[in-house]
């Protein structure tokens, strides 16, 4: 990246959240996605849980879940087939693909001229 351009590498949090959700899914199923990497899994899982907690609380989806009595089960049951108002994920993904960095190596330090580096 050109130092004079004063650009930053960013990631849209939605993709980080999907990564975290996938990490939790794989962890629940006992799949070690980092077996060939030097990653300490418990702190990574804790980080992902905290990231998803913040995303859920910030988004605060208030779509109603309707509860009704189920005669055959003799109990109340929540119906999670609620219609949600969503952002257009396909458009967000398309924008991200069009604006992605051509390559990214997280092991390379890039100085920050805005911080006097």
PDB file of N, CA and C in Angstrom:
ATOM      1  N   UNK A   1       0.841  -1.171   0.000  1.00  0.00           N
ATOM      2  CA  UNK A   1       0.000   0.000   0.000  1.00  0.00           C
ATOM      3  C   UNK A   1       0.889   1.238   0.000  1.00  0.00           C
ATOM      4  N   UNK A   2       0.516   2.217  -0.761  1.00  0.00           N
ATOM      5  CA  UNK A   2       1.281   3.456  -0.902  1.00  0.00           C
ATOM      6  C   UNK A   2       1.121   4.308   0.355  1.00  0.00           C
ATOM      7  N   UNK A   3       2.237   4.647   1.020  1.00  0.00           N
ATOM      8  CA  UNK A   3       2.185   5.442   2.251  1.00  0.00           C
ATOM      9  C   UNK A   3       1.538   6.795   2.022  1.00  0.00           C
ATOM     10  N   UNK A   4       1.764   7.381   0.862  1.00  0.00           N
ATOM     11  CA  UNK A   4       1.246   8.719   0.583  1.00  0.00           C
ATOM     12  C   UNK A   4      -0.271   8.733   0.423  1.00  0.00           C
ATOM     13  N   UNK A   5      -0.865   7.598   0.172  1.00  0.00           N
ATOM     14  CA  UNK A   5      -2.313   7.572  -0.071  1.00  0.00           C
ATOM     15  C   UNK A   5      -3.126   7.771   1.200  1.00  0.00           C
ATOM     16  N   UNK A   6      -2.493   7.532   2.356  1.00  0.00           N
ATOM     17  CA  UNK A   6      -3.160   7.679   3.655  1.00  0.00           C
ATOM     18  C   UNK A   6      -4.442   6.857   3.738  1.00  0.00           C
ATOM     19  N   UNK A   7      -4.405   5.684   3.202  1.00  0.00           N
ATOM     20  CA  UNK A   7      -5.550   4.784   3.270  1.00  0.00           C
ATOM     21  C   UNK A   7      -5.346   3.779   4.396  1.00  0.00           C
ATOM     22  N   UNK A   8      -6.438   3.236   4.869  1.00  0.00           N
ATOM     23  CA  UNK A   8      -6.409   2.211   5.896  1.00  0.00           C
ATOM     24  C   UNK A   8      -6.998   0.931   5.332  1.00  0.00           C
ATOM     25  N   UNK A   9      -6.543  -0.186   5.871  1.00  0.00           N
ATOM     26  CA  UNK A   9      -7.190  -1.458   5.572  1.00  0.00           C
ATOM     27  C   UNK A   9      -8.293  -1.621   6.601  1.00  0.00           C
ATOM     28  N   UNK A  10      -9.496  -1.873   6.144  1.00  0.00           N
ATOM     29  CA  UNK A  10     -10.628  -2.075   7.041  1.00  0.00           C
ATOM     30  C   UNK A  10     -11.342  -3.366   6.658  1.00  0.00           C
ATOM     31  N   UNK A  11     -12.123  -3.851   7.585  1.00  0.00           N
ATOM     32  CA  UNK A  11     -12.967  -5.017   7.348  1.00  0.00           C
ATOM     33  C   UNK A  11     -14.359  -4.650   7.826  1.00  0.00           C
ATOM     34  N   UNK A  12     -15.377  -4.960   7.054  1.00  0.00           N
ATOM     35  CA  UNK A  12     -16.743  -4.738   7.519  1.00  0.00           C
ATOM     36  C   UNK A  12     -17.035  -5.766   8.605  1.00  0.00           C
ATOM     37  N   UNK A  13     -17.556  -5.298   9.722  1.00  0.00           N
ATOM     38  CA  UNK A  13     -17.737  -6.170  10.882  1.00  0.00           C
ATOM     39  C   UNK A  13     -18.658  -7.349  10.581  1.00  0.00           C
ATOM     40  N   UNK A  14     -19.575  -7.197   9.646  1.00  0.00           N
ATOM     41  CA  UNK A  14     -20.480  -8.304   9.331  1.00  0.00           C
ATOM     42  C   UNK A  14     -19.689  -9.543   8.921  1.00  0.00           C
ATOM     43  N   UNK A  15     -18.574  -9.366   8.214  1.00  0.00           N
ATOM     44  CA  UNK A  15     -17.780 -10.515   7.792  1.00  0.00           C
ATOM     45  C   UNK A  15     -16.991 -11.097   8.966  1.00  0.00           C
ATOM     46  N   UNK A  16     -16.571 -10.247   9.887  1.00  0.00           N
ATOM     47  CA  UNK A  16     -15.932 -10.726  11.111  1.00  0.00           C
ATOM     48  C   UNK A  16     -16.946 -11.508  11.941  1.00  0.00           C
ATOM     49  N   UNK A  17     -18.174 -11.000  12.026  1.00  0.00           N
ATOM     50  CA  UNK A  17     -19.215 -11.690  12.781  1.00  0.00           C
ATOM     51  C   UNK A  17     -19.522 -13.057  12.178  1.00  0.00           C
ATOM     52  N   UNK A  18     -19.566 -13.137  10.852  1.00  0.00           N
ATOM     53  CA  UNK A  18     -19.796 -14.433  10.201  1.00  0.00           C
ATOM     54  C   UNK A  18     -18.632 -15.385  10.467  1.00  0.00           C
ATOM     55  N   UNK A  19     -17.404 -14.859  10.468  1.00  0.00           N
ATOM     56  CA  UNK A  19     -16.238 -15.675  10.826  1.00  0.00           C
ATOM     57  C   UNK A  19     -16.408 -16.216  12.243  1.00  0.00           C
ATOM     58  N   UNK A  20     -16.816 -15.354  13.169  1.00  0.00           N
ATOM     59  CA  UNK A  20     -16.989 -15.771  14.562  1.00  0.00           C
ATOM     60  C   UNK A  20     -18.096 -16.810  14.694  1.00  0.00           C
ATOM     61  N   UNK A  21     -19.192 -16.602  14.006  1.00  0.00           N
ATOM     62  CA  UNK A  21     -20.278 -17.576  14.046  1.00  0.00           C
ATOM     63  C   UNK A  21     -19.796 -18.926  13.524  1.00  0.00           C
ATOM     64  N   UNK A  22     -19.026 -18.919  12.443  1.00  0.00           N
ATOM     65  CA  UNK A  22     -18.488 -20.164  11.892  1.00  0.00           C
ATOM     66  C   UNK A  22     -17.512 -20.815  12.871  1.00  0.00           C
ATOM     67  N   UNK A  23     -16.661 -20.005  13.529  1.00  0.00           N
ATOM     68  CA  UNK A  23     -15.735 -20.544  14.522  1.00  0.00           C
ATOM     69  C   UNK A  23     -16.498 -21.235  15.649  1.00  0.00           C
ATOM     70  N   UNK A  24     -17.570 -20.597  16.139  1.00  0.00           N
ATOM     71  CA  UNK A  24     -18.363 -21.206  17.206  1.00  0.00           C
ATOM     72  C   UNK A  24     -19.038 -22.488  16.726  1.00  0.00           C
ATOM     73  N   UNK A  25     -19.548 -22.473  15.502  1.00  0.00           N
ATOM     74  CA  UNK A  25     -20.191 -23.663  14.934  1.00  0.00           C
ATOM     75  C   UNK A  25     -19.189 -24.811  14.862  1.00  0.00           C
ATOM     76  N   UNK A  26     -17.998 -24.534  14.347  1.00  0.00           N
ATOM     77  CA  UNK A  26     -16.981 -25.577  14.236  1.00  0.00           C
ATOM     78  C   UNK A  26     -16.532 -26.066  15.609  1.00  0.00           C
ATOM     79  N   UNK A  27     -16.417 -25.143  16.571  1.00  0.00           N
ATOM     80  CA  UNK A  27     -16.013 -25.517  17.925  1.00  0.00           C
ATOM     81  C   UNK A  27     -17.050 -26.431  18.561  1.00  0.00           C
ATOM     82  N   UNK A  28     -18.331 -26.097  18.403  1.00  0.00           N
ATOM     83  CA  UNK A  28     -19.406 -26.933  18.950  1.00  0.00           C
ATOM     84  C   UNK A  28     -19.347 -28.339  18.357  1.00  0.00           C
ATOM     85  N   UNK A  29     -19.022 -28.434  17.078  1.00  0.00           N
ATOM     86  CA  UNK A  29     -18.961 -29.730  16.397  1.00  0.00           C
ATOM     87  C   UNK A  29     -17.597 -30.398  16.536  1.00  0.00           C
ATOM     88  N   UNK A  30     -16.681 -29.794  17.273  1.00  0.00           N
ATOM     89  CA  UNK A  30     -15.389 -30.422  17.536  1.00  0.00           C
ATOM     90  C   UNK A  30     -14.402 -30.355  16.389  1.00  0.00           C
ATOM     91  N   UNK A  31     -14.583 -29.399  15.486  1.00  0.00           N
ATOM     92  CA  UNK A  31     -13.672 -29.241  14.351  1.00  0.00           C
ATOM     93  C   UNK A  31     -12.639 -28.172  14.705  1.00  0.00           C
ATOM     94  N   UNK A  32     -11.360 -28.510  14.595  1.00  0.00           N
ATOM     95  CA  UNK A  32     -10.291 -27.553  14.894  1.00  0.00           C
ATOM     96  C   UNK A  32      -9.825 -26.906  13.599  1.00  0.00           C
ATOM     97  N   UNK A  33     -10.333 -25.715  13.321  1.00  0.00           N
ATOM     98  CA  UNK A  33      -9.982 -25.037  12.075  1.00  0.00           C
ATOM     99  C   UNK A  33      -8.586 -24.413  12.114  1.00  0.00           C
ATOM    100  N   UNK A  34      -7.949 -24.436  13.292  1.00  0.00           N
ATOM    101  CA  UNK A  34      -6.632 -23.821  13.428  1.00  0.00           C
ATOM    102  C   UNK A  34      -5.555 -24.848  13.779  1.00  0.00           C
ATOM    103  N   UNK A  35      -5.749 -26.099  13.419  1.00  0.00           N
ATOM    104  CA  UNK A  35      -4.784 -27.136  13.796  1.00  0.00           C
ATOM    105  C   UNK A  35      -3.395 -26.879  13.214  1.00  0.00           C
ATOM    106  N   UNK A  36      -3.312 -26.190  12.100  1.00  0.00           N
ATOM    107  CA  UNK A  36      -2.013 -25.912  11.473  1.00  0.00           C
ATOM    108  C   UNK A  36      -1.538 -24.481  11.718  1.00  0.00           C
ATOM    109  N   UNK A  37      -2.156 -23.780  12.672  1.00  0.00           N
ATOM    110  CA  UNK A  37      -1.804 -22.383  12.935  1.00  0.00           C
ATOM    111  C   UNK A  37      -1.472 -22.214  14.416  1.00  0.00           C
ATOM    112  N   UNK A  38      -0.774 -21.157  14.719  1.00  0.00           N
ATOM    113  CA  UNK A  38      -0.415 -20.840  16.099  1.00  0.00           C
ATOM    114  C   UNK A  38      -1.477 -19.913  16.690  1.00  0.00           C
ATOM    115  N   UNK A  39      -2.646 -20.479  16.995  1.00  0.00           N
ATOM    116  CA  UNK A  39      -3.761 -19.697  17.531  1.00  0.00           C
ATOM    117  C   UNK A  39      -4.221 -20.352  18.823  1.00  0.00           C
ATOM    118  N   UNK A  40      -4.356 -19.555  19.890  1.00  0.00           N
ATOM    119  CA  UNK A  40      -4.870 -20.038  21.166  1.00  0.00           C
ATOM    120  C   UNK A  40      -6.394 -19.974  21.096  1.00  0.00           C
ATOM    121  N   UNK A  41      -7.039 -21.123  20.960  1.00  0.00           N
ATOM    122  CA  UNK A  41      -8.472 -21.190  20.659  1.00  0.00           C
ATOM    123  C   UNK A  41      -9.367 -20.578  21.746  1.00  0.00           C
ATOM    124  N   UNK A  42      -9.224 -20.929  23.050  1.00  0.00           N
ATOM    125  CA  UNK A  42     -10.176 -20.363  24.030  1.00  0.00           C
ATOM    126  C   UNK A  42     -10.269 -18.835  24.016  1.00  0.00           C
ATOM    127  N   UNK A  43      -9.154 -18.094  23.985  1.00  0.00           N
ATOM    128  CA  UNK A  43      -9.301 -16.633  23.904  1.00  0.00           C
ATOM    129  C   UNK A  43      -9.967 -16.178  22.604  1.00  0.00           C
ATOM    130  N   UNK A  44      -9.713 -16.898  21.510  1.00  0.00           N
ATOM    131  CA  UNK A  44     -10.334 -16.542  20.234  1.00  0.00           C
ATOM    132  C   UNK A  44     -11.844 -16.756  20.314  1.00  0.00           C
ATOM    133  N   UNK A  45     -12.268 -17.876  20.911  1.00  0.00           N
ATOM    134  CA  UNK A  45     -13.701 -18.143  21.077  1.00  0.00           C
ATOM    135  C   UNK A  45     -14.323 -17.084  21.987  1.00  0.00           C
ATOM    136  N   UNK A  46     -13.651 -16.751  23.095  1.00  0.00           N
ATOM    137  CA  UNK A  46     -14.171 -15.705  23.993  1.00  0.00           C
ATOM    138  C   UNK A  46     -14.317 -14.379  23.258  1.00  0.00           C
ATOM    139  N   UNK A  47     -13.312 -14.029  22.460  1.00  0.00           N
ATOM    140  CA  UNK A  47     -13.373 -12.800  21.669  1.00  0.00           C
ATOM    141  C   UNK A  47     -14.586 -12.833  20.737  1.00  0.00           C
ATOM    142  N   UNK A  48     -14.807 -13.965  20.087  1.00  0.00           N
ATOM    143  CA  UNK A  48     -15.928 -14.075  19.146  1.00  0.00           C
ATOM    144  C   UNK A  48     -17.273 -13.968  19.858  1.00  0.00           C
ATOM    145  N   UNK A  49     -17.394 -14.609  21.009  1.00  0.00           N
ATOM    146  CA  UNK A  49     -18.644 -14.518  21.775  1.00  0.00           C
ATOM    147  C   UNK A  49     -18.911 -13.064  22.153  1.00  0.00           C
ATOM    148  N   UNK A  50     -17.883 -12.352  22.610  1.00  0.00           N
ATOM    149  CA  UNK A  50     -18.049 -10.942  22.979  1.00  0.00           C
ATOM    150  C   UNK A  50     -18.405 -10.094  21.763  1.00  0.00           C
ATOM    151  N   UNK A  51     -17.769 -10.359  20.642  1.00  0.00           N
ATOM    152  CA  UNK A  51     -18.063  -9.615  19.415  1.00  0.00           C
ATOM    153  C   UNK A  51     -19.514  -9.827  18.986  1.00  0.00           C
ATOM    154  N   UNK A  52     -19.979 -11.069  19.025  1.00  0.00           N
ATOM    155  CA  UNK A  52     -21.366 -11.365  18.635  1.00  0.00           C
ATOM    156  C   UNK A  52     -22.359 -10.781  19.643  1.00  0.00           C
ATOM    157  N   UNK A  53     -22.000 -10.800  20.944  1.00  0.00           N
ATOM    158  CA  UNK A  53     -22.875 -10.194  21.956  1.00  0.00           C
ATOM    159  C   UNK A  53     -23.067  -8.709  21.659  1.00  0.00           C
ATOM    160  N   UNK A  54     -21.965  -8.022  21.361  1.00  0.00           N
ATOM    161  CA  UNK A  54     -22.062  -6.597  21.056  1.00  0.00           C
ATOM    162  C   UNK A  54     -22.893  -6.359  19.797  1.00  0.00           C
ATOM    163  N   UNK A  55     -22.697  -7.176  18.783  1.00  0.00           N
ATOM    164  CA  UNK A  55     -23.454  -7.016  17.538  1.00  0.00           C
ATOM    165  C   UNK A  55     -24.943  -7.224  17.775  1.00  0.00           C
ATOM    166  N   UNK A  56     -25.290  -8.233  18.556  1.00  0.00           N
ATOM    167  CA  UNK A  56     -26.702  -8.504  18.848  1.00  0.00           C
ATOM    168  C   UNK A  56     -27.306  -7.350  19.634  1.00  0.00           C
ATOM    169  N   UNK A  57     -26.588  -6.866  20.641  1.00  0.00           N
ATOM    170  CA  UNK A  57     -27.122  -5.774  21.456  1.00  0.00           C
ATOM    171  C   UNK A  57     -27.202  -4.473  20.667  1.00  0.00           C
ATOM    172  N   UNK A  58     -26.228  -4.212  19.794  1.00  0.00           N
ATOM    173  CA  UNK A  58     -26.251  -2.984  18.994  1.00  0.00           C
ATOM    174  C   UNK A  58     -27.364  -3.023  17.952  1.00  0.00           C
ATOM    175  N   UNK A  59     -27.556  -4.175  17.339  1.00  0.00           N
ATOM    176  CA  UNK A  59     -28.615  -4.301  16.327  1.00  0.00           C
ATOM    177  C   UNK A  59     -29.990  -4.353  16.977  1.00  0.00           C
ATOM    178  N   UNK A  60     -30.079  -4.992  18.122  1.00  0.00           N
ATOM    179  CA  UNK A  60     -31.312  -5.075  18.916  1.00  0.00           C
ATOM    180  C   UNK A  60     -32.550  -5.327  18.054  1.00  0.00           C
ATOM    181  N   UNK A  61     -32.572  -6.459  17.394  1.00  0.00           N
ATOM    182  CA  UNK A  61     -33.707  -6.842  16.552  1.00  0.00           C
ATOM    183  C   UNK A  61     -34.962  -6.945  17.421  1.00  0.00           C
ATOM    184  N   UNK A  62     -35.938  -6.114  17.149  1.00  0.00           N
ATOM    185  CA  UNK A  62     -37.169  -6.096  17.941  1.00  0.00           C
ATOM    186  C   UNK A  62     -38.332  -6.763  17.213  1.00  0.00           C
ATOM    187  N   UNK A  63     -38.034  -7.603  16.233  1.00  0.00           N
ATOM    188  CA  UNK A  63     -39.096  -8.358  15.564  1.00  0.00           C
ATOM    189  C   UNK A  63     -39.771  -9.247  16.608  1.00  0.00           C
ATOM    190  N   UNK A  64     -41.101  -9.249  16.641  1.00  0.00           N
ATOM    191  CA  UNK A  64     -41.800 -10.012  17.677  1.00  0.00           C
ATOM    192  C   UNK A  64     -41.751 -11.516  17.418  1.00  0.00           C
ATOM    193  N   UNK A  65     -41.549 -12.263  18.490  1.00  0.00           N
ATOM    194  CA  UNK A  65     -41.690 -13.720  18.455  1.00  0.00           C
ATOM    195  C   UNK A  65     -43.017 -14.022  19.138  1.00  0.00           C
ATOM    196  N   UNK A  66     -43.941 -14.569  18.389  1.00  0.00           N
ATOM    197  CA  UNK A  66     -45.287 -14.841  18.902  1.00  0.00           C
ATOM    198  C   UNK A  66     -45.300 -16.215  19.569  1.00  0.00           C
ATOM    199  N   UNK A  67     -45.841 -16.260  20.783  1.00  0.00           N
ATOM    200  CA  UNK A  67     -45.977 -17.512  21.522  1.00  0.00           C
ATOM    201  C   UNK A  67     -47.432 -17.942  21.462  1.00  0.00           C
ATOM    202  N   UNK A  68     -47.645 -19.220  21.225  1.00  0.00           N
ATOM    203  CA  UNK A  68     -49.015 -19.751  21.209  1.00  0.00           C
ATOM    204  C   UNK A  68     -49.012 -21.153  21.811  1.00  0.00           C
ATOM    205  N   UNK A  69     -50.187 -21.535  22.274  1.00  0.00           N
ATOM    206  CA  UNK A  69     -50.334 -22.848  22.893  1.00  0.00           C
ATOM    207  C   UNK A  69     -50.346 -23.928  21.821  1.00  0.00           C
ATOM    208  N   UNK A  70     -49.547 -24.959  22.039  1.00  0.00           N
ATOM    209  CA  UNK A  70     -49.512 -26.111  21.143  1.00  0.00           C
ATOM    210  C   UNK A  70     -50.208 -27.269  21.847  1.00  0.00           C
ATOM    211  N   UNK A  71     -51.415 -27.592  21.379  1.00  0.00           N
ATOM    212  CA  UNK A  71     -52.195 -28.658  22.018  1.00  0.00           C
ATOM    213  C   UNK A  71     -51.459 -29.996  22.018  1.00  0.00           C
ATOM    214  N   UNK A  72     -50.835 -30.346  20.897  1.00  0.00           N
ATOM    215  CA  UNK A  72     -50.181 -31.653  20.808  1.00  0.00           C
ATOM    216  C   UNK A  72     -48.926 -31.757  21.687  1.00  0.00           C
ATOM    217  N   UNK A  73     -48.333 -30.618  22.059  1.00  0.00           N
ATOM    218  CA  UNK A  73     -47.151 -30.627  22.926  1.00  0.00           C
ATOM    219  C   UNK A  73     -47.484 -30.210  24.358  1.00  0.00           C
ATOM    220  N   UNK A  74     -48.709 -29.739  24.581  1.00  0.00           N
ATOM    221  CA  UNK A  74     -49.179 -29.296  25.903  1.00  0.00           C
ATOM    222  C   UNK A  74     -48.258 -28.237  26.510  1.00  0.00           C
ATOM    223  N   UNK A  75     -47.924 -27.249  25.687  1.00  0.00           N
ATOM    224  CA  UNK A  75     -47.068 -26.167  26.179  1.00  0.00           C
ATOM    225  C   UNK A  75     -47.120 -24.987  25.219  1.00  0.00           C
ATOM    226  N   UNK A  76     -46.626 -23.835  25.726  1.00  0.00           N
ATOM    227  CA  UNK A  76     -46.447 -22.676  24.867  1.00  0.00           C
ATOM    228  C   UNK A  76     -45.217 -22.888  24.002  1.00  0.00           C
ATOM    229  N   UNK A  77     -45.279 -22.378  22.782  1.00  0.00           N
ATOM    230  CA  UNK A  77     -44.142 -22.516  21.868  1.00  0.00           C
ATOM    231  C   UNK A  77     -43.951 -21.198  21.131  1.00  0.00           C
ATOM    232  N   UNK A  78     -42.699 -20.742  21.089  1.00  0.00           N
ATOM    233  CA  UNK A  78     -42.378 -19.521  20.361  1.00  0.00           C
ATOM    234  C   UNK A  78     -42.209 -19.823  18.884  1.00  0.00           C
ATOM    235  N   UNK A  79     -42.808 -18.990  18.050  1.00  0.00           N
ATOM    236  CA  UNK A  79     -42.713 -19.171  16.599  1.00  0.00           C
ATOM    237  C   UNK A  79     -41.662 -18.197  16.068  1.00  0.00           C
ATOM    238  N   UNK A  80     -40.561 -18.746  15.617  1.00  0.00           N
ATOM    239  CA  UNK A  80     -39.435 -17.921  15.176  1.00  0.00           C
ATOM    240  C   UNK A  80     -39.456 -17.661  13.675  1.00  0.00           C
ATOM    241  N   UNK A  81     -40.600 -17.847  13.055  1.00  0.00           N
ATOM    242  CA  UNK A  81     -40.722 -17.585  11.616  1.00  0.00           C
ATOM    243  C   UNK A  81     -41.150 -16.137  11.364  1.00  0.00           C
ATOM    244  N   UNK A  82     -40.753 -15.257  12.271  1.00  0.00           N
ATOM    245  CA  UNK A  82     -41.081 -13.842  12.191  1.00  0.00           C
ATOM    246  C   UNK A  82     -40.407 -13.203  10.978  1.00  0.00           C
ATOM    247  N   UNK A  83     -41.120 -12.322  10.311  1.00  0.00           N
ATOM    248  CA  UNK A  83     -40.553 -11.575   9.192  1.00  0.00           C
ATOM    249  C   UNK A  83     -39.669 -10.460   9.744  1.00  0.00           C
ATOM    250  N   UNK A  84     -38.426 -10.416   9.299  1.00  0.00           N
ATOM    251  CA  UNK A  84     -37.472  -9.404   9.742  1.00  0.00           C
ATOM    252  C   UNK A  84     -37.256  -8.386   8.635  1.00  0.00           C
ATOM    253  N   UNK A  85     -36.990  -7.143   9.024  1.00  0.00           N
ATOM    254  CA  UNK A  85     -36.588  -6.120   8.067  1.00  0.00           C
ATOM    255  C   UNK A  85     -35.068  -6.124   8.046  1.00  0.00           C
ATOM    256  N   UNK A  86     -34.509  -6.404   6.897  1.00  0.00           N
ATOM    257  CA  UNK A  86     -33.062  -6.627   6.810  1.00  0.00           C
ATOM    258  C   UNK A  86     -32.398  -5.649   5.851  1.00  0.00           C
ATOM    259  N   UNK A  87     -31.099  -5.550   5.988  1.00  0.00           N
ATOM    260  CA  UNK A  87     -30.288  -4.876   4.984  1.00  0.00           C
ATOM    261  C   UNK A  87     -30.096  -5.855   3.834  1.00  0.00           C
ATOM    262  N   UNK A  88     -29.730  -5.354   2.702  1.00  0.00           N
ATOM    263  CA  UNK A  88     -29.508  -6.209   1.539  1.00  0.00           C
ATOM    264  C   UNK A  88     -28.078  -6.759   1.609  1.00  0.00           C
ATOM    265  N   UNK A  89     -27.944  -7.970   2.157  1.00  0.00           N
ATOM    266  CA  UNK A  89     -26.621  -8.556   2.349  1.00  0.00           C
ATOM    267  C   UNK A  89     -25.899  -8.751   1.022  1.00  0.00           C
ATOM    268  N   UNK A  90     -26.623  -9.110  -0.019  1.00  0.00           N
ATOM    269  CA  UNK A  90     -25.982  -9.302  -1.327  1.00  0.00           C
ATOM    270  C   UNK A  90     -25.333  -8.009  -1.823  1.00  0.00           C
ATOM    271  N   UNK A  91     -26.000  -6.869  -1.610  1.00  0.00           N
ATOM    272  CA  UNK A  91     -25.412  -5.583  -2.008  1.00  0.00           C
ATOM    273  C   UNK A  91     -24.191  -5.236  -1.156  1.00  0.00           C
ATOM    274  N   UNK A  92     -24.270  -5.527   0.137  1.00  0.00           N
ATOM    275  CA  UNK A  92     -23.134  -5.270   1.030  1.00  0.00           C
ATOM    276  C   UNK A  92     -21.945  -6.123   0.599  1.00  0.00           C
ATOM    277  N   UNK A  93     -22.201  -7.396   0.323  1.00  0.00           N
ATOM    278  CA  UNK A  93     -21.131  -8.305  -0.103  1.00  0.00           C
ATOM    279  C   UNK A  93     -20.536  -7.850  -1.438  1.00  0.00           C
ATOM    280  N   UNK A  94     -21.389  -7.448  -2.363  1.00  0.00           N
ATOM    281  CA  UNK A  94     -20.908  -6.990  -3.667  1.00  0.00           C
ATOM    282  C   UNK A  94     -20.026  -5.750  -3.510  1.00  0.00           C
ATOM    283  N   UNK A  95     -20.458  -4.801  -2.670  1.00  0.00           N
ATOM    284  CA  UNK A  95     -19.665  -3.598  -2.426  1.00  0.00           C
ATOM    285  C   UNK A  95     -18.303  -3.982  -1.845  1.00  0.00           C
ATOM    286  N   UNK A  96     -18.311  -4.901  -0.873  1.00  0.00           N
ATOM    287  CA  UNK A  96     -17.060  -5.321  -0.238  1.00  0.00           C
ATOM    288  C   UNK A  96     -16.124  -5.979  -1.250  1.00  0.00           C
ATOM    289  N   UNK A  97     -16.676  -6.805  -2.121  1.00  0.00           N
ATOM    290  CA  UNK A  97     -15.847  -7.452  -3.142  1.00  0.00           C
ATOM    291  C   UNK A  97     -15.235  -6.425  -4.092  1.00  0.00           C
ATOM    292  N   UNK A  98     -16.008  -5.407  -4.446  1.00  0.00           N
ATOM    293  CA  UNK A  98     -15.518  -4.374  -5.362  1.00  0.00           C
ATOM    294  C   UNK A  98     -14.455  -3.479  -4.720  1.00  0.00           C
ATOM    295  N   UNK A  99     -14.434  -3.420  -3.398  1.00  0.00           N
ATOM    296  CA  UNK A  99     -13.515  -2.525  -2.699  1.00  0.00           C
ATOM    297  C   UNK A  99     -12.460  -3.269  -1.880  1.00  0.00           C
ATOM    298  N   UNK A 100     -12.327  -4.556  -2.090  1.00  0.00           N
ATOM    299  CA  UNK A 100     -11.368  -5.313  -1.286  1.00  0.00           C
ATOM    300  C   UNK A 100      -9.926  -5.007  -1.683  1.00  0.00           C
ATOM    301  N   UNK A 101      -9.043  -5.135  -0.713  1.00  0.00           N
ATOM    302  CA  UNK A 101      -7.615  -4.948  -0.976  1.00  0.00           C
ATOM    303  C   UNK A 101      -7.138  -6.082  -1.877  1.00  0.00           C
ATOM    304  N   UNK A 102      -6.222  -5.775  -2.813  1.00  0.00           N
ATOM    305  CA  UNK A 102      -5.762  -6.822  -3.731  1.00  0.00           C
ATOM    306  C   UNK A 102      -5.027  -7.954  -3.018  1.00  0.00           C
ATOM    307  N   UNK A 103      -4.350  -7.648  -1.930  1.00  0.00           N
ATOM    308  CA  UNK A 103      -3.695  -8.684  -1.132  1.00  0.00           C
ATOM    309  C   UNK A 103      -3.588  -8.164   0.294  1.00  0.00           C
ATOM    310  N   UNK A 104      -3.482  -9.089   1.228  1.00  0.00           N
ATOM    311  CA  UNK A 104      -3.438  -8.690   2.627  1.00  0.00           C
ATOM    312  C   UNK A 104      -2.589  -9.697   3.386  1.00  0.00           C
ATOM    313  N   UNK A 105      -1.511  -9.220   3.981  1.00  0.00           N
ATOM    314  CA  UNK A 105      -0.636 -10.063   4.780  1.00  0.00           C
ATOM    315  C   UNK A 105      -0.615  -9.488   6.191  1.00  0.00           C
ATOM    316  N   UNK A 106      -1.338 -10.113   7.139  1.00  0.00           N
ATOM    317  CA  UNK A 106      -1.411  -9.550   8.491  1.00  0.00           C
ATOM    318  C   UNK A 106      -0.089  -9.578   9.247  1.00  0.00           C
ATOM    319  N   UNK A 107       0.932 -10.232   8.698  1.00  0.00           N
ATOM    320  CA  UNK A 107       2.227 -10.256   9.378  1.00  0.00           C
ATOM    321  C   UNK A 107       3.112  -9.076   8.980  1.00  0.00           C
ATOM    322  N   UNK A 108       2.641  -8.243   8.043  1.00  0.00           N
ATOM    323  CA  UNK A 108       3.414  -7.082   7.591  1.00  0.00           C
ATOM    324  C   UNK A 108       2.898  -5.835   8.300  1.00  0.00           C
ATOM    325  N   UNK A 109       3.786  -5.144   9.015  1.00  0.00           N
ATOM    326  CA  UNK A 109       3.399  -3.912   9.695  1.00  0.00           C
ATOM    327  C   UNK A 109       3.354  -2.768   8.689  1.00  0.00           C
ATOM    328  N   UNK A 110       2.264  -2.022   8.725  1.00  0.00           N
ATOM    329  CA  UNK A 110       2.115  -0.851   7.865  1.00  0.00           C
ATOM    330  C   UNK A 110       2.069   0.363   8.785  1.00  0.00           C
ATOM    331  N   UNK A 111       3.012   1.276   8.622  1.00  0.00           N
ATOM    332  CA  UNK A 111       3.061   2.452   9.488  1.00  0.00           C
ATOM    333  C   UNK A 111       1.856   3.348   9.230  1.00  0.00           C
ATOM    334  N   UNK A 112       1.520   4.134  10.244  1.00  0.00           N
ATOM    335  CA  UNK A 112       0.363   5.019  10.182  1.00  0.00           C
ATOM    336  C   UNK A 112       0.843   6.462  10.165  1.00  0.00           C
ATOM    337  N   UNK A 113       0.864   7.110   8.992  1.00  0.00           N
ATOM    338  CA  UNK A 113       1.360   8.490   8.919  1.00  0.00           C
ATOM    339  C   UNK A 113       0.492   9.466   9.709  1.00  0.00           C
ATOM    340  N   UNK A 114      -0.761   9.131   9.950  1.00  0.00           N
ATOM    341  CA  UNK A 114      -1.625  10.017  10.728  1.00  0.00           C
ATOM    342  C   UNK A 114      -1.248  10.011  12.203  1.00  0.00           C
ATOM    343  N   UNK A 115      -0.486   9.012  12.609  1.00  0.00           N
ATOM    344  CA  UNK A 115      -0.001   8.941  13.986  1.00  0.00           C
ATOM    345  C   UNK A 115       1.481   9.285  14.066  1.00  0.00           C
ATOM    346  N   UNK A 116       2.009   9.862  12.999  1.00  0.00           N
ATOM    347  CA  UNK A 116       3.404  10.281  12.985  1.00  0.00           C
ATOM    348  C   UNK A 116       4.396   9.146  12.817  1.00  0.00           C
ATOM    349  N   UNK A 117       3.954   8.026  12.260  1.00  0.00           N
ATOM    350  CA  UNK A 117       4.855   6.876  12.073  1.00  0.00           C
ATOM    351  C   UNK A 117       5.499   6.915  10.701  1.00  0.00           C
TER     352      UNK A 117
END
